[in-house]
C-alpha atoms as a PDB file:
ATOM      1  CA  MET A   1      93.057 195.958 194.568  1.00  0.00           C
ATOM      2  CA  GLY A   2      94.171 197.071 197.969  1.00  0.00           C
ATOM      3  CA  ASP A   3      93.618 200.537 199.445  1.00  0.00           C
ATOM      4  CA  SER A   4      93.385 203.556 196.948  1.00  0.00           C
ATOM      5  CA  LEU A   5      96.479 205.718 196.899  1.00  0.00           C
ATOM      6  CA  VAL A   6      94.901 207.652 194.048  1.00  0.00           C
ATOM      7  CA  LEU A   7      94.814 211.402 194.218  1.00  0.00           C
ATOM      8  CA  THR A   8      94.044 213.854 191.397  1.00  0.00           C
ATOM      9  CA  ARG A   9      96.961 216.281 190.635  1.00  0.00           C
ATOM     10  CA  ARG A  10      94.665 219.060 191.750  1.00  0.00           C
ATOM     11  CA  GLU A  11      94.043 217.361 195.147  1.00  0.00           C
ATOM     12  CA  PHE A  12      97.824 216.784 195.664  1.00  0.00           C
ATOM     13  CA  CYS A  13      98.610 220.381 194.848  1.00  0.00           C
ATOM     14  CA  VAL A  14      96.184 221.507 197.364  1.00  0.00           C
ATOM     15  CA  ILE A  15      97.819 219.304 200.043  1.00  0.00           C
ATOM     16  CA  ALA A  16     101.300 220.614 198.844  1.00  0.00           C
ATOM     17  CA  GLY A  17     100.071 224.261 199.160  1.00  0.00           C
ATOM     18  CA  SER A  18      98.857 225.402 195.750  1.00  0.00           C
ATOM     19  CA  ALA A  19      98.584 224.565 192.083  1.00  0.00           C
ATOM     20  CA  VAL A  20     100.449 227.477 191.177  1.00  0.00           C
ATOM     21  CA  ALA A  21     103.368 226.482 193.484  1.00  0.00           C
ATOM     22  CA  ALA A  22     103.400 222.973 191.992  1.00  0.00           C
ATOM     23  CA  VAL A  23     103.559 224.405 188.400  1.00  0.00           C
ATOM     24  CA  ALA A  24     106.295 226.903 189.341  1.00  0.00           C
ATOM     25  CA  PHE A  25     108.598 224.141 190.688  1.00  0.00           C
ATOM     26  CA  GLY A  26     108.089 221.805 187.622  1.00  0.00           C
ATOM     27  CA  ASN A  27     108.445 218.202 188.648  1.00  0.00           C
ATOM     28  CA  ALA A  28     108.672 219.128 192.394  1.00  0.00           C
ATOM     29  CA  CYS A  29     105.692 218.114 194.488  1.00  0.00           C
ATOM     30  CA  ARG A  30     103.475 216.931 191.722  1.00  0.00           C
ATOM     31  CA  LEU A  31     101.632 213.586 191.371  1.00  0.00           C
ATOM     32  CA  ILE A  32     101.872 211.899 187.910  1.00  0.00           C
ATOM     33  CA  GLU A  33      99.696 209.370 186.366  1.00  0.00           C
ATOM     34  CA  GLY A  34     101.439 206.093 185.763  1.00  0.00           C
ATOM     35  CA  GLY A  35     100.940 202.283 185.253  1.00  0.00           C
ATOM     36  CA  THR A  36     100.480 199.619 187.921  1.00  0.00           C
ATOM     37  CA  GLY A  37     104.065 199.277 189.096  1.00  0.00           C
ATOM     38  CA  ARG A  38     103.395 195.949 190.512  1.00  0.00           C
ATOM     39  CA  LEU A  39     106.526 193.760 191.398  1.00  0.00           C
ATOM     40  CA  THR A  40     106.978 190.278 192.753  1.00  0.00           C
ATOM     41  CA  ILE A  41     109.689 188.982 195.067  1.00  0.00           C
ATOM     42  CA  PRO A  42     111.095 185.854 193.549  1.00  0.00           C
ATOM     43  CA  ALA A  43     111.886 183.994 196.686  1.00  0.00           C
ATOM     44  CA  ARG A  44     113.926 180.774 196.477  1.00  0.00           C
ATOM     45  CA  GLU A  45     114.825 178.169 198.947  1.00  0.00           C
ATOM     46  CA  ASN A  46     118.159 176.626 199.805  1.00  0.00           C
ATOM     47  CA  VAL A  47     120.169 179.410 198.172  1.00  0.00           C
ATOM     48  CA  LYS A  48     123.681 180.038 199.445  1.00  0.00           C
ATOM     49  CA  THR A  49     125.488 183.314 199.139  1.00  0.00           C
ATOM     50  CA  SER A  50     128.147 182.823 196.512  1.00  0.00           C
ATOM     51  CA  ALA A  51     130.123 186.039 196.788  1.00  0.00           C
ATOM     52  CA  THR A  52     130.588 189.215 198.912  1.00  0.00           C
ATOM     53  CA  GLY A  53     131.539 192.745 198.200  1.00  0.00           C
ATOM     54  CA  HIS A  54     130.507 194.764 195.085  1.00  0.00           C
ATOM     55  CA  ILE A  55     129.017 192.526 192.466  1.00  0.00           C
ATOM     56  CA  ARG A  56     127.911 193.653 188.915  1.00  0.00           C
ATOM     57  CA  LEU A  57     124.897 191.478 187.893  1.00  0.00           C
ATOM     58  CA  GLY A  58     125.780 191.404 184.300  1.00  0.00           C
ATOM     59  CA  LEU A  59     122.306 192.227 183.041  1.00  0.00           C
ATOM     60  CA  ASP A  60     123.293 195.182 180.804  1.00  0.00           C
ATOM     61  CA  GLN A  61     126.648 196.064 179.444  1.00  0.00           C
ATOM     62  CA  GLU A  62     126.112 199.967 179.972  1.00  0.00           C
ATOM     63  CA  ARG A  63     123.514 200.497 182.612  1.00  0.00           C
ATOM     64  CA  ASP A  64     123.846 197.408 184.776  1.00  0.00           C
ATOM     65  CA  ALA A  65     122.791 196.867 188.511  1.00  0.00           C
ATOM     66  CA  ILE A  66     125.256 196.294 191.406  1.00  0.00           C
ATOM     67  CA  LEU A  67     124.623 194.221 194.231  1.00  0.00           C
ATOM     68  CA  GLN A  68     126.746 194.950 197.591  1.00  0.00           C
ATOM     69  CA  VAL A  69     126.866 192.080 199.890  1.00  0.00           C
ATOM     70  CA  PRO A  70     128.405 192.417 203.448  1.00  0.00           C
ATOM     71  CA  LYS A  71     131.926 191.138 203.660  1.00  0.00           C
ATOM     72  CA  ASN A  72     131.118 189.269 206.812  1.00  0.00           C
ATOM     73  CA  ALA A  73     128.005 187.736 205.317  1.00  0.00           C
ATOM     74  CA  GLY A  74     127.355 184.001 206.276  1.00  0.00           C
ATOM     75  CA  GLN A  75     124.858 181.756 204.867  1.00  0.00           C
ATOM     76  CA  SER A  76     121.937 183.240 207.056  1.00  0.00           C
ATOM     77  CA  PRO A  77     119.382 185.064 204.866  1.00  0.00           C
ATOM     78  CA  LEU A  78     120.250 188.826 204.739  1.00  0.00           C
ATOM     79  CA  PRO A  79     117.890 191.810 204.740  1.00  0.00           C
ATOM     80  CA  LEU A  80     117.933 193.579 201.405  1.00  0.00           C
ATOM     81  CA  LEU A  81     117.700 197.242 200.413  1.00  0.00           C
ATOM     82  CA  ILE A  82     116.887 198.222 196.779  1.00  0.00           C
ATOM     83  CA  MET A  83     118.500 201.690 196.421  1.00  0.00           C
ATOM     84  CA  LEU A  84     117.455 204.005 193.564  1.00  0.00           C
ATOM     85  CA  HIS A  85     119.554 206.921 192.200  1.00  0.00           C
ATOM     86  CA  GLY A  86     118.481 210.416 191.406  1.00  0.00           C
ATOM     87  CA  ALA A  87     118.304 211.973 187.784  1.00  0.00           C
ATOM     88  CA  THR A  88     121.551 211.718 185.970  1.00  0.00           C
ATOM     89  CA  GLN A  89     123.245 209.806 188.778  1.00  0.00           C
ATOM     90  CA  SER A  90     124.180 206.192 189.010  1.00  0.00           C
ATOM     91  CA  ALA A  91     124.093 202.962 191.095  1.00  0.00           C
ATOM     92  CA  GLU A  92     127.720 203.671 192.056  1.00  0.00           C
ATOM     93  CA  GLU A  93     126.810 206.984 193.467  1.00  0.00           C
ATOM     94  CA  MET A  94     124.087 205.440 195.657  1.00  0.00           C
ATOM     95  CA  LEU A  95     126.564 203.044 197.351  1.00  0.00           C
ATOM     96  CA  GLU A  96     128.809 205.903 197.924  1.00  0.00           C
ATOM     97  CA  TYR A  97     126.098 207.909 199.458  1.00  0.00           C
ATOM     98  CA  LEU A  98     125.377 205.027 201.863  1.00  0.00           C
ATOM     99  CA  GLY A  99     128.877 204.343 202.754  1.00  0.00           C
ATOM    100  CA  ALA A 100     130.008 201.809 205.150  1.00  0.00           C
ATOM    101  CA  PRO A 101     126.878 201.569 207.478  1.00  0.00           C
ATOM    102  CA  PRO A 102     125.006 198.843 205.278  1.00  0.00           C
ATOM    103  CA  ASP A 103     128.170 196.556 205.486  1.00  0.00           C
ATOM    104  CA  GLU A 104     128.505 197.144 209.245  1.00  0.00           C
ATOM    105  CA  ALA A 105     124.916 196.454 209.734  1.00  0.00           C
ATOM    106  CA  GLY A 106     124.736 193.337 207.653  1.00  0.00           C
ATOM    107  CA  LEU A 107     122.473 194.774 205.054  1.00  0.00           C
ATOM    108  CA  ALA A 108     122.710 193.695 201.341  1.00  0.00           C
ATOM    109  CA  VAL A 109     121.959 196.669 198.889  1.00  0.00           C
ATOM    110  CA  LEU A 110     120.945 196.225 195.364  1.00  0.00           C
ATOM    111  CA  ALA A 111     121.559 199.486 193.352  1.00  0.00           C
ATOM    112  CA  PRO A 112     120.047 199.316 189.800  1.00  0.00           C
ATOM    113  CA  ASN A 113     120.580 201.812 186.980  1.00  0.00           C
ATOM    114  CA  SER A 114     117.423 203.286 185.455  1.00  0.00           C
ATOM    115  CA  ARG A 115     117.119 202.636 181.620  1.00  0.00           C
ATOM    116  CA  ASP A 116     117.460 206.278 180.940  1.00  0.00           C
ATOM    117  CA  THR A 117     118.839 209.281 182.845  1.00  0.00           C
ATOM    118  CA  THR A 118     115.910 209.030 185.194  1.00  0.00           C
ATOM    119  CA  TRP A 119     113.192 206.579 186.153  1.00  0.00           C
ATOM    120  CA  ASP A 120     110.431 205.878 183.548  1.00  0.00           C
ATOM    121  CA  ALA A 121     107.264 206.946 185.490  1.00  0.00           C
ATOM    122  CA  ILE A 122     109.094 210.155 186.709  1.00  0.00           C
ATOM    123  CA  GLY A 123     109.038 211.496 183.192  1.00  0.00           C
ATOM    124  CA  GLY A 124     105.209 210.876 183.063  1.00  0.00           C
ATOM    125  CA  GLY A 125     105.642 207.654 180.810  1.00  0.00           C
ATOM    126  CA  GLY A 126     104.220 205.269 183.376  1.00  0.00           C
ATOM    127  CA  PHE A 127     105.787 202.241 185.016  1.00  0.00           C
ATOM    128  CA  GLY A 128     107.454 199.974 182.487  1.00  0.00           C
ATOM    129  CA  VAL A 129     110.984 199.154 181.375  1.00  0.00           C
ATOM    130  CA  ASP A 130     112.527 200.290 184.881  1.00  0.00           C
ATOM    131  CA  VAL A 131     110.081 198.065 186.782  1.00  0.00           C
ATOM    132  CA  ASP A 132     110.879 195.121 184.466  1.00  0.00           C
ATOM    133  CA  PHE A 133     114.712 195.679 185.006  1.00  0.00           C
ATOM    134  CA  ILE A 134     114.345 195.928 188.812  1.00  0.00           C
ATOM    135  CA  HIS A 135     112.351 192.620 188.765  1.00  0.00           C
ATOM    136  CA  ARG A 136     115.166 191.266 186.496  1.00  0.00           C
ATOM    137  CA  ALA A 137     117.838 192.135 188.997  1.00  0.00           C
ATOM    138  CA  LEU A 138     115.797 190.820 191.952  1.00  0.00           C
ATOM    139  CA  GLN A 139     115.603 187.510 190.241  1.00  0.00           C
ATOM    140  CA  ARG A 140     119.305 187.345 189.811  1.00  0.00           C
ATOM    141  CA  VAL A 141     119.945 188.406 193.388  1.00  0.00           C
ATOM    142  CA  PHE A 142     117.661 185.793 194.791  1.00  0.00           C
ATOM    143  CA  GLU A 143     119.394 183.055 192.678  1.00  0.00           C
ATOM    144  CA  THR A 144     122.881 183.897 193.856  1.00  0.00           C
ATOM    145  CA  THR A 145     122.435 185.366 197.434  1.00  0.00           C
ATOM    146  CA  ALA A 146     120.571 184.129 200.566  1.00  0.00           C
ATOM    147  CA  ILE A 147     117.957 186.942 201.166  1.00  0.00           C
ATOM    148  CA  ASP A 148     115.208 186.977 203.560  1.00  0.00           C
ATOM    149  CA  PRO A 149     112.098 187.798 201.364  1.00  0.00           C
ATOM    150  CA  ALA A 150     110.324 189.153 204.507  1.00  0.00           C
ATOM    151  CA  ARG A 151     113.035 191.878 205.023  1.00  0.00           C
ATOM    152  CA  VAL A 152     113.150 193.448 201.647  1.00  0.00           C
ATOM    153  CA  SER A 153     113.015 197.220 201.587  1.00  0.00           C
ATOM    154  CA  ILE A 154     113.221 199.988 198.979  1.00  0.00           C
ATOM    155  CA  GLY A 155     114.733 203.419 199.008  1.00  0.00           C
ATOM    156  CA  GLY A 156     116.274 206.104 196.930  1.00  0.00           C
ATOM    157  CA  PHE A 157     117.468 209.748 196.678  1.00  0.00           C
ATOM    158  CA  SER A 158     115.584 212.697 194.928  1.00  0.00           C
ATOM    159  CA  ASP A 159     113.994 211.260 191.751  1.00  0.00           C
ATOM    160  CA  GLY A 160     114.887 207.862 193.102  1.00  0.00           C
ATOM    161  CA  ALA A 161     113.204 208.601 196.456  1.00  0.00           C
ATOM    162  CA  SER A 162     110.020 209.741 194.522  1.00  0.00           C
ATOM    163  CA  TYR A 163     110.149 206.455 192.573  1.00  0.00           C
ATOM    164  CA  ALA A 164     110.910 204.329 195.516  1.00  0.00           C
ATOM    165  CA  LEU A 165     108.166 205.942 197.744  1.00  0.00           C
ATOM    166  CA  SER A 166     105.708 205.381 194.932  1.00  0.00           C
ATOM    167  CA  LEU A 167     106.926 201.729 194.075  1.00  0.00           C
ATOM    168  CA  GLY A 168     107.004 200.937 197.930  1.00  0.00           C
ATOM    169  CA  LEU A 169     103.433 202.055 198.514  1.00  0.00           C
ATOM    170  CA  ILE A 170     102.114 200.182 195.426  1.00  0.00           C
ATOM    171  CA  ASN A 171     104.045 197.029 196.593  1.00  0.00           C
ATOM    172  CA  GLY A 172     103.695 197.426 200.352  1.00  0.00           C
ATOM    173  CA  ASP A 173     102.687 193.870 200.688  1.00  0.00           C
ATOM    174  CA  LEU A 174     106.066 193.056 199.504  1.00  0.00           C
ATOM    175  CA  PHE A 175     108.479 195.785 200.857  1.00  0.00           C
ATOM    176  CA  GLN A 176     108.709 195.950 204.650  1.00  0.00           C
ATOM    177  CA  SER A 177     110.048 199.476 204.784  1.00  0.00           C
ATOM    178  CA  ILE A 178     110.651 202.542 202.501  1.00  0.00           C
ATOM    179  CA  ALA A 179     113.616 204.981 202.751  1.00  0.00           C
ATOM    180  CA  ALA A 180     112.993 208.248 200.865  1.00  0.00           C
ATOM    181  CA  PHE A 181     115.801 210.756 200.835  1.00  0.00           C
ATOM    182  CA  SER A 182     114.709 214.196 199.743  1.00  0.00           C
ATOM    183  CA  PRO A 183     111.451 213.051 197.664  1.00  0.00           C
ATOM    184  CA  GLY A 184     109.607 215.314 195.520  1.00  0.00           C
ATOM    185  CA  PHE A 185     106.294 213.700 194.614  1.00  0.00           C
ATOM    186  CA  LEU A 186     104.302 210.498 194.367  1.00  0.00           C
ATOM    187  CA  VAL A 187     103.395 208.634 191.240  1.00  0.00           C
ATOM    188  CA  GLU A 188      99.731 207.680 191.129  1.00  0.00           C
ATOM    189  CA  GLY A 189      98.789 204.037 191.984  1.00  0.00           C
ATOM    190  CA  ALA A 190      96.818 201.754 194.214  1.00  0.00           C
ATOM    191  CA  SER A 191      98.410 200.952 197.476  1.00  0.00           C
ATOM    192  CA  HIS A 192      98.898 197.485 198.922  1.00  0.00           C
ATOM    193  CA  GLY A 193      99.885 196.600 202.486  1.00  0.00           C
ATOM    194  CA  HIS A 194     101.162 199.087 205.140  1.00  0.00           C
ATOM    195  CA  PRO A 195     105.125 199.488 205.050  1.00  0.00           C
ATOM    196  CA  ARG A 196     106.763 201.765 207.562  1.00  0.00           C
ATOM    197  CA  ILE A 197     108.351 204.827 206.004  1.00  0.00           C
ATOM    198  CA  PHE A 198     111.511 206.932 206.694  1.00  0.00           C
ATOM    199  CA  ILE A 199     111.618 210.334 205.027  1.00  0.00           C
ATOM    200  CA  SER A 200     114.514 212.833 205.263  1.00  0.00           C
ATOM    201  CA  HIS A 201     114.808 216.270 203.784  1.00  0.00           C
ATOM    202  CA  GLY A 202     117.160 219.343 204.010  1.00  0.00           C
ATOM    203  CA  THR A 203     115.492 222.517 205.284  1.00  0.00           C
ATOM    204  CA  HIS A 204     117.430 224.522 202.649  1.00  0.00           C
ATOM    205  CA  ASP A 205     116.624 222.216 199.735  1.00  0.00           C
ATOM    206  CA  HIS A 206     116.812 224.539 196.642  1.00  0.00           C
ATOM    207  CA  ILE A 207     115.696 221.780 194.063  1.00  0.00           C
ATOM    208  CA  LEU A 208     112.797 220.168 195.997  1.00  0.00           C
ATOM    209  CA  PRO A 209     111.667 222.572 198.589  1.00  0.00           C
ATOM    210  CA  PHE A 210     111.436 221.192 202.069  1.00  0.00           C
ATOM    211  CA  ASP A 211     107.982 222.389 202.945  1.00  0.00           C
ATOM    212  CA  ARG A 212     106.295 221.551 199.826  1.00  0.00           C
ATOM    213  CA  CYS A 213     107.970 218.122 199.247  1.00  0.00           C
ATOM    214  CA  GLY A 214     109.377 215.923 202.008  1.00  0.00           C
ATOM    215  CA  TRP A 215     107.595 217.612 204.918  1.00  0.00           C
ATOM    216  CA  ARG A 216     104.264 217.580 202.991  1.00  0.00           C
ATOM    217  CA  LEU A 217     104.628 214.058 201.815  1.00  0.00           C
ATOM    218  CA  ALA A 218     105.255 212.873 205.339  1.00  0.00           C
ATOM    219  CA  SER A 219     102.322 214.692 206.716  1.00  0.00           C
ATOM    220  CA  MET A 220      99.957 213.321 204.042  1.00  0.00           C
ATOM    221  CA  LEU A 221     101.249 209.864 204.677  1.00  0.00           C
ATOM    222  CA  LYS A 222     100.744 210.205 208.451  1.00  0.00           C
ATOM    223  CA  THR A 223      97.326 211.259 207.863  1.00  0.00           C
ATOM    224  CA  GLY A 224      96.748 208.191 205.703  1.00  0.00           C
ATOM    225  CA  GLY A 225      97.703 205.982 208.682  1.00  0.00           C
ATOM    226  CA  TYR A 226     101.092 205.086 207.806  1.00  0.00           C
ATOM    227  CA  ASP A 227     103.997 204.756 210.350  1.00  0.00           C
ATOM    228  CA  VAL A 228     106.292 207.632 209.245  1.00  0.00           C
ATOM    229  CA  THR A 229     109.696 208.653 210.583  1.00  0.00           C
ATOM    230  CA  PHE A 230     110.513 212.049 209.378  1.00  0.00           C
ATOM    231  CA  ARG A 231     114.054 213.297 209.561  1.00  0.00           C
ATOM    232  CA  GLU A 232     114.751 216.875 208.883  1.00  0.00           C
ATOM    233  CA  PHE A 233     118.252 218.299 208.714  1.00  0.00           C
ATOM    234  CA  ASP A 234     119.997 221.539 208.151  1.00  0.00           C
ATOM    235  CA  GLY A 235     121.223 221.143 204.687  1.00  0.00           C
ATOM    236  CA  ASP A 236     120.491 221.219 200.872  1.00  0.00           C
ATOM    237  CA  HIS A 237     119.540 218.717 198.353  1.00  0.00           C
ATOM    238  CA  GLU A 238     121.768 215.871 199.675  1.00  0.00           C
ATOM    239  CA  LEU A 239     122.081 212.656 201.977  1.00  0.00           C
ATOM    240  CA  PRO A 240     124.485 213.573 204.868  1.00  0.00           C
ATOM    241  CA  PRO A 241     126.441 210.664 206.236  1.00  0.00           C
ATOM    242  CA  ASP A 242     124.719 210.781 209.643  1.00  0.00           C
ATOM    243  CA  VAL A 243     121.168 210.517 208.103  1.00  0.00           C
ATOM    244  CA  ALA A 244     122.416 207.671 205.969  1.00  0.00           C
ATOM    245  CA  ARG A 245     123.625 205.822 209.023  1.00  0.00           C
ATOM    246  CA  GLU A 246     120.371 206.591 210.967  1.00  0.00           C
ATOM    247  CA  ALA A 247     118.333 205.240 208.117  1.00  0.00           C
ATOM    248  CA  VAL A 248     120.207 202.019 207.877  1.00  0.00           C
ATOM    249  CA  ARG A 249     119.923 201.483 211.582  1.00  0.00           C
ATOM    250  CA  TRP A 250     116.190 202.061 211.074  1.00  0.00           C
ATOM    251  CA  LEU A 251     115.892 199.756 208.172  1.00  0.00           C
ATOM    252  CA  VAL A 252     117.466 196.728 210.062  1.00  0.00           C
ATOM    253  CA  GLY A 253     116.101 197.617 213.489  1.00  0.00           C
END
């Protein structure tokens, strides 16, 4: 079963400051009960990278997933980042947020779209259709692109950061690293493995407050024995280009 990551909502709110504060900010800084959230990495041998650039996987006509493969990719296995969007956002926006650094660093990026406007467990419904879709997308990527299964990471922004942080801890035996940009909370689950973690948060975030969300999560995870890099910046609810570049260097480093 791995190490327990389970906290009651009351215990998490104590860590975050107070139960009143958690209620006042709605979804911000709360812990939600969910399903198992377990994934598998469908590693395949002797796969050759068949295309580069932006590739739509063709898994869904409306809410598909996009794979971005570095233009200078050869046939050596690439590191892969699964990048998850925030509420009401899209896969395309996440690739725009990251910009050129992944291509420059030789990092492939898989950006799936959630089945609804945000990720299943974020709304309290538990892990389900979105985990299934991410797994389907991973299967397609590993069928068509040379990926190193030992260098697969997961990340996201806002709701996507909360979801990535939660899935990353639950699947820490599969994901080498987690990059959470302005996360709000954790979804309850049992942790496996011990991934390293990058968290960034703006000190003037008006949606997910700095001190009750990113900073508290980083502190909690450090106390839990995780290797956490915390990057605060003078800004709002955003992913600045310099933070994105720093995170990509950290992911491939």
